[in-house]
Amino acid sequence: MKAKRTVGLIALLASMGAFLFGANAMAADPRNGAKIYNIHCTNCHGSSGAGAMPGMPDFRRGQSLFAANAVLVQVLENGQGIMPAYRGLLTTQEMLDVIAHLRTFQ
């Protein structure tokens, strides 16, 4: 009985940690993120993440990518500045895949 309680407690703590720290139950796939990035993002952000248009962030520097996944997903969902919203166009998992890909530019 004690072992069941311990397993349950560990599962609860892991869930709470995932919620509090923005982790996901499924790992993000940077390879899938690269495919999505190439379709939707390269025109403005460039293939290397350097920013193809004035005012675009340079993802190679990474400061903007230090934010929690949940914050970055919100930006993708709602858009920011001239960037359009991707809510309804991309799933949350696809957005997380793109974020994982962006973090490979550093």
N, C-alpha and C. Protein backbone atom coordinates (compact mmCIF):
# COMPACT_ATOMS: atom_id res chain seq x y z
N MET A 1 0.82 -1.19 0.00
CA MET A 1 0.00 0.00 0.00
C MET A 1 0.86 1.26 0.00
N LYS A 2 1.95 1.23 0.78
CA LYS A 2 2.84 2.38 0.85
C LYS A 2 3.48 2.67 -0.50
N ALA A 3 3.82 1.63 -1.26
CA ALA A 3 4.42 1.80 -2.58
C ALA A 3 3.45 2.51 -3.53
N LYS A 4 2.16 2.15 -3.48
CA LYS A 4 1.15 2.81 -4.31
C LYS A 4 1.06 4.29 -3.99
N ARG A 5 1.07 4.61 -2.69
CA ARG A 5 1.00 6.00 -2.27
C ARG A 5 2.22 6.77 -2.75
N THR A 6 3.39 6.15 -2.66
CA THR A 6 4.62 6.80 -3.10
C THR A 6 4.58 7.08 -4.60
N VAL A 7 4.15 6.10 -5.38
CA VAL A 7 4.05 6.29 -6.84
C VAL A 7 3.06 7.39 -7.15
N GLY A 8 1.92 7.39 -6.45
CA GLY A 8 0.92 8.43 -6.66
C GLY A 8 1.45 9.82 -6.31
N LEU A 9 2.19 9.91 -5.23
CA LEU A 9 2.78 11.18 -4.81
C LEU A 9 3.80 11.66 -5.83
N ILE A 10 4.61 10.76 -6.32
CA ILE A 10 5.61 11.13 -7.34
C ILE A 10 4.91 11.63 -8.60
N ALA A 11 3.86 10.95 -9.02
CA ALA A 11 3.12 11.38 -10.21
C ALA A 11 2.50 12.75 -9.99
N LEU A 12 1.94 12.99 -8.81
CA LEU A 12 1.35 14.28 -8.49
C LEU A 12 2.40 15.38 -8.52
N LEU A 13 3.54 15.14 -7.91
CA LEU A 13 4.61 16.14 -7.88
C LEU A 13 5.14 16.42 -9.28
N ALA A 14 5.27 15.40 -10.10
CA ALA A 14 5.73 15.59 -11.48
C ALA A 14 4.73 16.43 -12.26
N SER A 15 3.45 16.18 -12.07
CA SER A 15 2.42 16.96 -12.75
C SER A 15 2.45 18.41 -12.31
N MET A 16 2.60 18.62 -11.01
CA MET A 16 2.66 19.99 -10.50
C MET A 16 3.89 20.70 -11.03
N GLY A 17 5.01 20.02 -11.08
CA GLY A 17 6.24 20.62 -11.61
C GLY A 17 6.08 20.98 -13.08
N ALA A 18 5.46 20.10 -13.85
CA ALA A 18 5.23 20.38 -15.26
C ALA A 18 4.34 21.61 -15.43
N PHE A 19 3.31 21.71 -14.60
CA PHE A 19 2.41 22.86 -14.68
C PHE A 19 3.12 24.14 -14.27
N LEU A 20 3.84 24.11 -13.18
CA LEU A 20 4.47 25.31 -12.65
C LEU A 20 5.63 25.80 -13.50
N PHE A 21 6.36 24.89 -14.11
CA PHE A 21 7.56 25.28 -14.83
C PHE A 21 7.39 25.24 -16.34
N GLY A 22 6.19 25.03 -16.83
CA GLY A 22 5.92 25.12 -18.25
C GLY A 22 6.37 23.92 -19.05
N ALA A 23 6.68 22.82 -18.41
CA ALA A 23 7.09 21.63 -19.14
C ALA A 23 5.87 20.96 -19.75
N ASN A 24 6.10 20.17 -20.75
CA ASN A 24 5.00 19.48 -21.42
C ASN A 24 5.09 18.00 -21.18
N ALA A 25 3.97 17.34 -21.28
CA ALA A 25 3.94 15.90 -21.13
C ALA A 25 4.65 15.24 -22.31
N MET A 26 4.55 15.85 -23.48
CA MET A 26 5.20 15.30 -24.67
C MET A 26 6.42 16.15 -24.99
N ALA A 27 7.51 15.52 -25.34
CA ALA A 27 8.71 16.24 -25.70
C ALA A 27 8.51 16.93 -27.04
N ALA A 28 9.10 18.11 -27.18
CA ALA A 28 9.02 18.84 -28.44
C ALA A 28 9.99 18.23 -29.44
N ASP A 29 9.65 18.30 -30.71
CA ASP A 29 10.45 17.72 -31.79
C ASP A 29 11.02 18.84 -32.65
N PRO A 30 12.31 19.18 -32.47
CA PRO A 30 12.89 20.28 -33.26
C PRO A 30 12.93 19.99 -34.76
N ARG A 31 12.96 18.71 -35.15
CA ARG A 31 12.95 18.40 -36.60
C ARG A 31 11.61 18.76 -37.21
N ASN A 32 10.52 18.44 -36.52
CA ASN A 32 9.20 18.84 -37.00
C ASN A 32 9.07 20.36 -36.94
N GLY A 33 9.63 20.95 -35.89
CA GLY A 33 9.62 22.41 -35.77
C GLY A 33 10.33 23.09 -36.92
N ALA A 34 11.42 22.49 -37.41
CA ALA A 34 12.14 23.06 -38.56
C ALA A 34 11.26 23.05 -39.80
N LYS A 35 10.52 21.99 -40.01
CA LYS A 35 9.62 21.92 -41.17
C LYS A 35 8.56 23.01 -41.09
N ILE A 36 7.96 23.17 -39.92
CA ILE A 36 6.92 24.17 -39.73
C ILE A 36 7.50 25.57 -39.86
N TYR A 37 8.68 25.80 -39.27
CA TYR A 37 9.37 27.09 -39.35
C TYR A 37 9.63 27.45 -40.80
N ASN A 38 10.10 26.49 -41.59
CA ASN A 38 10.40 26.77 -43.00
C ASN A 38 9.15 27.15 -43.78
N ILE A 39 8.01 26.62 -43.40
CA ILE A 39 6.75 26.94 -44.09
C ILE A 39 6.22 28.31 -43.66
N HIS A 40 6.21 28.58 -42.36
CA HIS A 40 5.49 29.74 -41.84
C HIS A 40 6.36 30.91 -41.40
N CYS A 41 7.65 30.71 -41.16
CA CYS A 41 8.44 31.73 -40.46
C CYS A 41 9.61 32.32 -41.23
N THR A 42 10.16 31.58 -42.20
CA THR A 42 11.41 32.02 -42.84
C THR A 42 11.28 33.32 -43.62
N ASN A 43 10.11 33.61 -44.16
CA ASN A 43 9.97 34.86 -44.93
C ASN A 43 10.32 36.08 -44.10
N CYS A 44 9.97 36.08 -42.84
CA CYS A 44 10.24 37.24 -41.97
C CYS A 44 11.46 37.04 -41.08
N HIS A 45 11.63 35.82 -40.58
CA HIS A 45 12.68 35.56 -39.59
C HIS A 45 13.96 35.00 -40.20
N GLY A 46 13.93 34.64 -41.48
CA GLY A 46 15.12 34.11 -42.14
C GLY A 46 15.36 32.65 -41.81
N SER A 47 16.04 31.97 -42.70
CA SER A 47 16.28 30.53 -42.50
C SER A 47 17.22 30.24 -41.34
N SER A 48 18.07 31.21 -41.00
CA SER A 48 19.01 31.01 -39.89
C SER A 48 18.52 31.61 -38.59
N GLY A 49 17.34 32.26 -38.61
CA GLY A 49 16.81 32.88 -37.41
C GLY A 49 17.36 34.27 -37.15
N ALA A 50 18.14 34.81 -38.10
CA ALA A 50 18.77 36.12 -37.91
C ALA A 50 17.81 37.27 -38.09
N GLY A 51 16.66 37.02 -38.70
CA GLY A 51 15.69 38.08 -38.98
C GLY A 51 15.90 38.61 -40.38
N ALA A 52 14.97 38.35 -41.28
CA ALA A 52 15.10 38.76 -42.67
C ALA A 52 14.53 40.16 -42.90
N MET A 53 13.78 40.67 -41.94
CA MET A 53 13.16 41.99 -42.06
C MET A 53 13.62 42.86 -40.90
N PRO A 54 13.67 44.18 -41.11
CA PRO A 54 14.05 45.07 -40.00
C PRO A 54 13.11 44.91 -38.80
N GLY A 55 13.69 44.92 -37.62
CA GLY A 55 12.91 44.82 -36.39
C GLY A 55 12.60 43.40 -35.95
N MET A 56 12.96 42.42 -36.75
CA MET A 56 12.72 41.02 -36.36
C MET A 56 13.77 40.60 -35.33
N PRO A 57 13.38 39.80 -34.36
CA PRO A 57 14.36 39.34 -33.37
C PRO A 57 15.39 38.41 -34.00
N ASP A 58 16.59 38.45 -33.45
CA ASP A 58 17.66 37.55 -33.89
C ASP A 58 17.64 36.35 -32.95
N PHE A 59 17.07 35.25 -33.41
CA PHE A 59 16.94 34.07 -32.57
C PHE A 59 18.29 33.42 -32.28
N ARG A 60 19.33 33.78 -33.03
CA ARG A 60 20.66 33.22 -32.76
C ARG A 60 21.20 33.74 -31.44
N ARG A 61 20.75 34.91 -31.02
CA ARG A 61 21.18 35.47 -29.73
C ARG A 61 20.43 34.85 -28.58
N GLY A 62 19.19 34.50 -28.81
CA GLY A 62 18.44 33.69 -27.86
C GLY A 62 17.79 34.37 -26.68
N GLN A 63 18.00 35.68 -26.45
CA GLN A 63 17.43 36.31 -25.27
C GLN A 63 15.91 36.13 -25.22
N SER A 64 15.26 36.26 -26.34
CA SER A 64 13.80 36.14 -26.35
C SER A 64 13.36 34.69 -26.12
N LEU A 65 14.26 33.76 -26.30
CA LEU A 65 13.92 32.34 -26.15
C LEU A 65 14.14 31.83 -24.73
N PHE A 66 14.59 32.71 -23.83
CA PHE A 66 14.75 32.32 -22.43
C PHE A 66 13.42 32.25 -21.71
N ALA A 67 12.38 32.83 -22.29
CA ALA A 67 11.05 32.81 -21.67
C ALA A 67 10.54 31.38 -21.58
N ALA A 68 9.62 31.15 -20.67
CA ALA A 68 9.01 29.83 -20.52
C ALA A 68 8.23 29.46 -21.78
N ASN A 69 8.13 28.17 -22.03
CA ASN A 69 7.38 27.69 -23.19
C ASN A 69 5.97 28.27 -23.25
N ALA A 70 5.30 28.34 -22.10
CA ALA A 70 3.93 28.84 -22.07
C ALA A 70 3.85 30.28 -22.57
N VAL A 71 4.83 31.10 -22.22
CA VAL A 71 4.87 32.50 -22.67
C VAL A 71 5.09 32.55 -24.18
N LEU A 72 6.01 31.76 -24.68
CA LEU A 72 6.30 31.76 -26.12
C LEU A 72 5.13 31.21 -26.93
N VAL A 73 4.45 30.22 -26.40
CA VAL A 73 3.25 29.69 -27.08
C VAL A 73 2.19 30.78 -27.16
N GLN A 74 2.03 31.55 -26.11
CA GLN A 74 1.05 32.65 -26.14
C GLN A 74 1.38 33.65 -27.24
N VAL A 75 2.65 33.96 -27.40
CA VAL A 75 3.06 34.89 -28.47
C VAL A 75 2.69 34.30 -29.83
N LEU A 76 2.98 33.02 -30.02
CA LEU A 76 2.64 32.39 -31.30
C LEU A 76 1.12 32.32 -31.49
N GLU A 77 0.40 32.01 -30.45
CA GLU A 77 -1.06 31.91 -30.56
C GLU A 77 -1.71 33.25 -30.89
N ASN A 78 -1.25 34.31 -30.25
CA ASN A 78 -1.89 35.61 -30.35
C ASN A 78 -1.24 36.56 -31.35
N GLY A 79 -0.03 36.23 -31.80
CA GLY A 79 0.71 37.14 -32.67
C GLY A 79 1.34 38.25 -31.84
N GLN A 80 2.25 38.99 -32.47
CA GLN A 80 2.90 40.10 -31.77
C GLN A 80 3.43 41.06 -32.83
N GLY A 81 3.13 42.33 -32.67
CA GLY A 81 3.57 43.30 -33.67
C GLY A 81 2.95 42.95 -35.02
N ILE A 82 3.80 42.81 -36.03
CA ILE A 82 3.30 42.47 -37.37
C ILE A 82 3.17 40.96 -37.58
N MET A 83 3.64 40.18 -36.60
CA MET A 83 3.53 38.72 -36.72
C MET A 83 2.07 38.31 -36.51
N PRO A 84 1.53 37.51 -37.42
CA PRO A 84 0.14 37.08 -37.26
C PRO A 84 -0.02 36.05 -36.15
N ALA A 85 -1.25 35.86 -35.73
CA ALA A 85 -1.59 34.84 -34.74
C ALA A 85 -1.65 33.49 -35.43
N TYR A 86 -1.16 32.46 -34.75
CA TYR A 86 -1.17 31.10 -35.30
C TYR A 86 -2.15 30.18 -34.59
N ARG A 87 -2.96 30.75 -33.68
CA ARG A 87 -4.00 29.95 -33.02
C ARG A 87 -4.97 29.45 -34.08
N GLY A 88 -5.24 28.17 -34.07
CA GLY A 88 -6.13 27.57 -35.05
C GLY A 88 -5.41 27.11 -36.30
N LEU A 89 -4.23 27.65 -36.56
CA LEU A 89 -3.43 27.22 -37.71
C LEU A 89 -2.43 26.14 -37.30
N LEU A 90 -1.83 26.34 -36.12
CA LEU A 90 -0.88 25.36 -35.57
C LEU A 90 -1.41 24.85 -34.24
N THR A 91 -1.15 23.59 -33.95
CA THR A 91 -1.50 23.05 -32.64
C THR A 91 -0.48 23.52 -31.61
N THR A 92 -0.82 23.39 -30.35
CA THR A 92 0.13 23.74 -29.29
C THR A 92 1.40 22.91 -29.43
N GLN A 93 1.26 21.63 -29.75
CA GLN A 93 2.44 20.78 -29.91
C GLN A 93 3.31 21.26 -31.06
N GLU A 94 2.71 21.68 -32.16
CA GLU A 94 3.49 22.20 -33.28
C GLU A 94 4.22 23.49 -32.90
N MET A 95 3.57 24.33 -32.10
CA MET A 95 4.22 25.55 -31.63
C MET A 95 5.41 25.21 -30.74
N LEU A 96 5.24 24.22 -29.88
CA LEU A 96 6.36 23.79 -29.03
C LEU A 96 7.49 23.21 -29.87
N ASP A 97 7.15 22.52 -30.95
CA ASP A 97 8.17 22.00 -31.86
C ASP A 97 8.95 23.16 -32.49
N VAL A 98 8.25 24.21 -32.91
CA VAL A 98 8.91 25.38 -33.49
C VAL A 98 9.83 26.03 -32.46
N ILE A 99 9.36 26.17 -31.23
CA ILE A 99 10.18 26.75 -30.17
C ILE A 99 11.44 25.92 -29.95
N ALA A 100 11.30 24.60 -29.94
CA ALA A 100 12.47 23.72 -29.79
C ALA A 100 13.44 23.93 -30.95
N HIS A 101 12.91 24.09 -32.16
CA HIS A 101 13.77 24.35 -33.32
C HIS A 101 14.49 25.69 -33.16
N LEU A 102 13.77 26.73 -32.74
CA LEU A 102 14.38 28.04 -32.57
C LEU A 102 15.55 27.99 -31.59
N ARG A 103 15.42 27.19 -30.58
CA ARG A 103 16.48 27.08 -29.59
C ARG A 103 17.71 26.36 -30.12
N THR A 104 17.63 25.74 -31.28
CA THR A 104 18.82 25.13 -31.89
C THR A 104 19.68 26.16 -32.60
N PHE A 105 19.16 27.37 -32.83
CA PHE A 105 19.92 28.42 -33.52
C PHE A 105 21.05 28.97 -32.67
N GLN A 106 20.98 28.80 -31.37
CA GLN A 106 21.96 29.41 -30.47
C GLN A 106 23.30 28.76 -30.56
